[in-house]
Amino acid sequence: MAPEIFDHKTYTVKADVYSFAVVLWEIITRETPYANLHTPMAIMKYVAMERKRPDLTKIPHNCPQEVSLENNFSSIIFLVDRFDDEMLGT
């Protein structure tokens, strides 16, 4: 979940975009974010209070850099398709 949800603040679609980005990170890296944290409370503290994020250095160099997750999902559909084509070699 996005930090603003953990903080019980008003949130927008950007919270969904953040959550989607974490899911993409999981898919691309084939790892579990925050795997070293063993409880939901530890993850909440790490994300909401310490403002930590998944390790972006684990994303492969050939991942599109121009992905924009600022306001909506429509801006990334083309790039996700392109990334899929590049990864599959089609």
C-alpha atoms as a PDB file:
ATOM      1  CA  MET A   1       0.000   0.000   0.000  1.00  0.00           C
ATOM      2  CA  ALA A   2       1.022   3.573  -0.581  1.00  0.00           C
ATOM      3  CA  PRO A   3       2.478   5.561   2.334  1.00  0.00           C
ATOM      4  CA  GLU A   4      -0.482   7.958   2.493  1.00  0.00           C
ATOM      5  CA  ILE A   5      -2.822   5.027   3.101  1.00  0.00           C
ATOM      6  CA  PHE A   6      -0.660   3.795   5.985  1.00  0.00           C
ATOM      7  CA  ASP A   7      -0.694   7.344   7.364  1.00  0.00           C
ATOM      8  CA  HIS A   8      -4.528   7.476   7.164  1.00  0.00           C
ATOM      9  CA  LYS A   9      -4.281  10.572   4.958  1.00  0.00           C
ATOM     10  CA  THR A  10      -6.585  11.516   2.116  1.00  0.00           C
ATOM     11  CA  TYR A  11      -5.303   9.889  -1.015  1.00  0.00           C
ATOM     12  CA  THR A  12      -5.886   9.971  -4.747  1.00  0.00           C
ATOM     13  CA  VAL A  13      -5.394   7.645  -7.693  1.00  0.00           C
ATOM     14  CA  LYS A  14      -1.666   8.206  -7.187  1.00  0.00           C
ATOM     15  CA  ALA A  15      -1.855   5.739  -4.296  1.00  0.00           C
ATOM     16  CA  ASP A  16      -3.074   3.115  -6.774  1.00  0.00           C
ATOM     17  CA  VAL A  17      -0.270   4.050  -9.144  1.00  0.00           C
ATOM     18  CA  TYR A  18       2.266   3.580  -6.324  1.00  0.00           C
ATOM     19  CA  SER A  19       0.819   0.161  -5.513  1.00  0.00           C
ATOM     20  CA  PHE A  20       0.876  -0.799  -9.182  1.00  0.00           C
ATOM     21  CA  ALA A  21       4.510   0.304  -9.423  1.00  0.00           C
ATOM     22  CA  VAL A  22       5.410  -1.989  -6.525  1.00  0.00           C
ATOM     23  CA  VAL A  23       3.649  -4.873  -8.297  1.00  0.00           C
ATOM     24  CA  LEU A  24       5.632  -4.082 -11.467  1.00  0.00           C
ATOM     25  CA  TRP A  25       8.811  -4.080  -9.388  1.00  0.00           C
ATOM     26  CA  GLU A  26       7.907  -7.545  -8.101  1.00  0.00           C
ATOM     27  CA  ILE A  27       7.255  -8.840 -11.614  1.00  0.00           C
ATOM     28  CA  ILE A  28      10.400  -7.355 -13.129  1.00  0.00           C
ATOM     29  CA  THR A  29      12.770  -8.319 -10.307  1.00  0.00           C
ATOM     30  CA  ARG A  30      11.030 -11.590  -9.408  1.00  0.00           C
ATOM     31  CA  GLU A  31      11.527 -10.726  -5.758  1.00  0.00           C
ATOM     32  CA  THR A  32       9.324  -9.804  -2.829  1.00  0.00           C
ATOM     33  CA  PRO A  33       9.710  -6.185  -1.747  1.00  0.00           C
ATOM     34  CA  TYR A  34      10.673  -5.739   1.872  1.00  0.00           C
ATOM     35  CA  ALA A  35      11.417  -9.476   2.181  1.00  0.00           C
ATOM     36  CA  ASN A  36      13.743  -8.741   5.086  1.00  0.00           C
ATOM     37  CA  LEU A  37      10.841  -7.254   7.075  1.00  0.00           C
ATOM     38  CA  HIS A  38       8.836  -9.943   8.808  1.00  0.00           C
ATOM     39  CA  THR A  39       5.647  -8.239   9.960  1.00  0.00           C
ATOM     40  CA  PRO A  40       3.082  -5.915   8.392  1.00  0.00           C
ATOM     41  CA  MET A  41       3.837  -3.350  11.106  1.00  0.00           C
ATOM     42  CA  ALA A  42       7.531  -3.362  10.201  1.00  0.00           C
ATOM     43  CA  ILE A  43       6.644  -2.757   6.541  1.00  0.00           C
ATOM     44  CA  MET A  44       4.258   0.058   7.494  1.00  0.00           C
ATOM     45  CA  LYS A  45       6.988   1.764   9.544  1.00  0.00           C
ATOM     46  CA  TYR A  46       9.576   1.297   6.796  1.00  0.00           C
ATOM     47  CA  VAL A  47       7.318   2.703   4.055  1.00  0.00           C
ATOM     48  CA  ALA A  48       5.257   5.337   5.886  1.00  0.00           C
ATOM     49  CA  MET A  49       7.593   6.655   8.560  1.00  0.00           C
ATOM     50  CA  GLU A  50      11.035   6.040   7.093  1.00  0.00           C
ATOM     51  CA  ARG A  51       9.846   6.752   3.507  1.00  0.00           C
ATOM     52  CA  LYS A  52      11.778   3.774   2.111  1.00  0.00           C
ATOM     53  CA  ARG A  53      11.019   2.245  -1.282  1.00  0.00           C
ATOM     54  CA  PRO A  54      11.940  -0.956  -3.135  1.00  0.00           C
ATOM     55  CA  ASP A  55      15.518  -1.061  -4.434  1.00  0.00           C
ATOM     56  CA  LEU A  56      15.403   0.438  -7.932  1.00  0.00           C
ATOM     57  CA  THR A  57      18.929  -0.764  -8.708  1.00  0.00           C
ATOM     58  CA  LYS A  58      17.477  -4.275  -9.087  1.00  0.00           C
ATOM     59  CA  ILE A  59      15.498  -3.245 -12.181  1.00  0.00           C
ATOM     60  CA  PRO A  60      17.249  -4.445 -15.371  1.00  0.00           C
ATOM     61  CA  HIS A  61      19.001  -1.863 -17.536  1.00  0.00           C
ATOM     62  CA  ASN A  62      16.758  -2.668 -20.514  1.00  0.00           C
ATOM     63  CA  CYS A  63      13.593  -1.656 -18.656  1.00  0.00           C
ATOM     64  CA  PRO A  64      12.049   1.450 -20.287  1.00  0.00           C
ATOM     65  CA  GLN A  65      13.203   4.535 -18.403  1.00  0.00           C
ATOM     66  CA  GLU A  66      10.449   6.833 -19.663  1.00  0.00           C
ATOM     67  CA  VAL A  67       7.615   5.128 -17.799  1.00  0.00           C
ATOM     68  CA  SER A  68       5.525   7.872 -16.229  1.00  0.00           C
ATOM     69  CA  LEU A  69       3.355   6.895 -13.283  1.00  0.00           C
ATOM     70  CA  GLU A  70       2.455  10.404 -12.224  1.00  0.00           C
ATOM     71  CA  ASN A  71      -1.255  10.765 -12.840  1.00  0.00           C
ATOM     72  CA  ASN A  72      -2.774   7.732 -14.501  1.00  0.00           C
ATOM     73  CA  PHE A  73      -2.178   4.333 -15.974  1.00  0.00           C
ATOM     74  CA  SER A  74      -2.896   5.201 -19.593  1.00  0.00           C
ATOM     75  CA  SER A  75       0.566   6.710 -20.003  1.00  0.00           C
ATOM     76  CA  ILE A  76       2.250   3.361 -19.397  1.00  0.00           C
ATOM     77  CA  ILE A  77       0.148   0.908 -21.423  1.00  0.00           C
ATOM     78  CA  PHE A  78       2.227   1.376 -24.577  1.00  0.00           C
ATOM     79  CA  LEU A  79       5.484   1.093 -22.646  1.00  0.00           C
ATOM     80  CA  VAL A  80       4.425  -2.078 -20.851  1.00  0.00           C
ATOM     81  CA  ASP A  81       3.519  -3.622 -24.203  1.00  0.00           C
ATOM     82  CA  ARG A  82       6.862  -2.543 -25.651  1.00  0.00           C
ATOM     83  CA  PHE A  83       8.763  -3.916 -22.656  1.00  0.00           C
ATOM     84  CA  ASP A  84       6.913  -7.211 -23.036  1.00  0.00           C
ATOM     85  CA  ASP A  85       7.861  -7.354 -26.719  1.00  0.00           C
ATOM     86  CA  GLU A  86      11.509  -6.605 -25.907  1.00  0.00           C
ATOM     87  CA  MET A  87      11.661  -9.221 -23.150  1.00  0.00           C
ATOM     88  CA  LEU A  88      10.077 -11.880 -25.372  1.00  0.00           C
ATOM     89  CA  GLY A  89      12.102 -10.853 -28.407  1.00  0.00           C
ATOM     90  CA  THR A  90       9.028 -10.299 -30.600  1.00  0.00           C
END
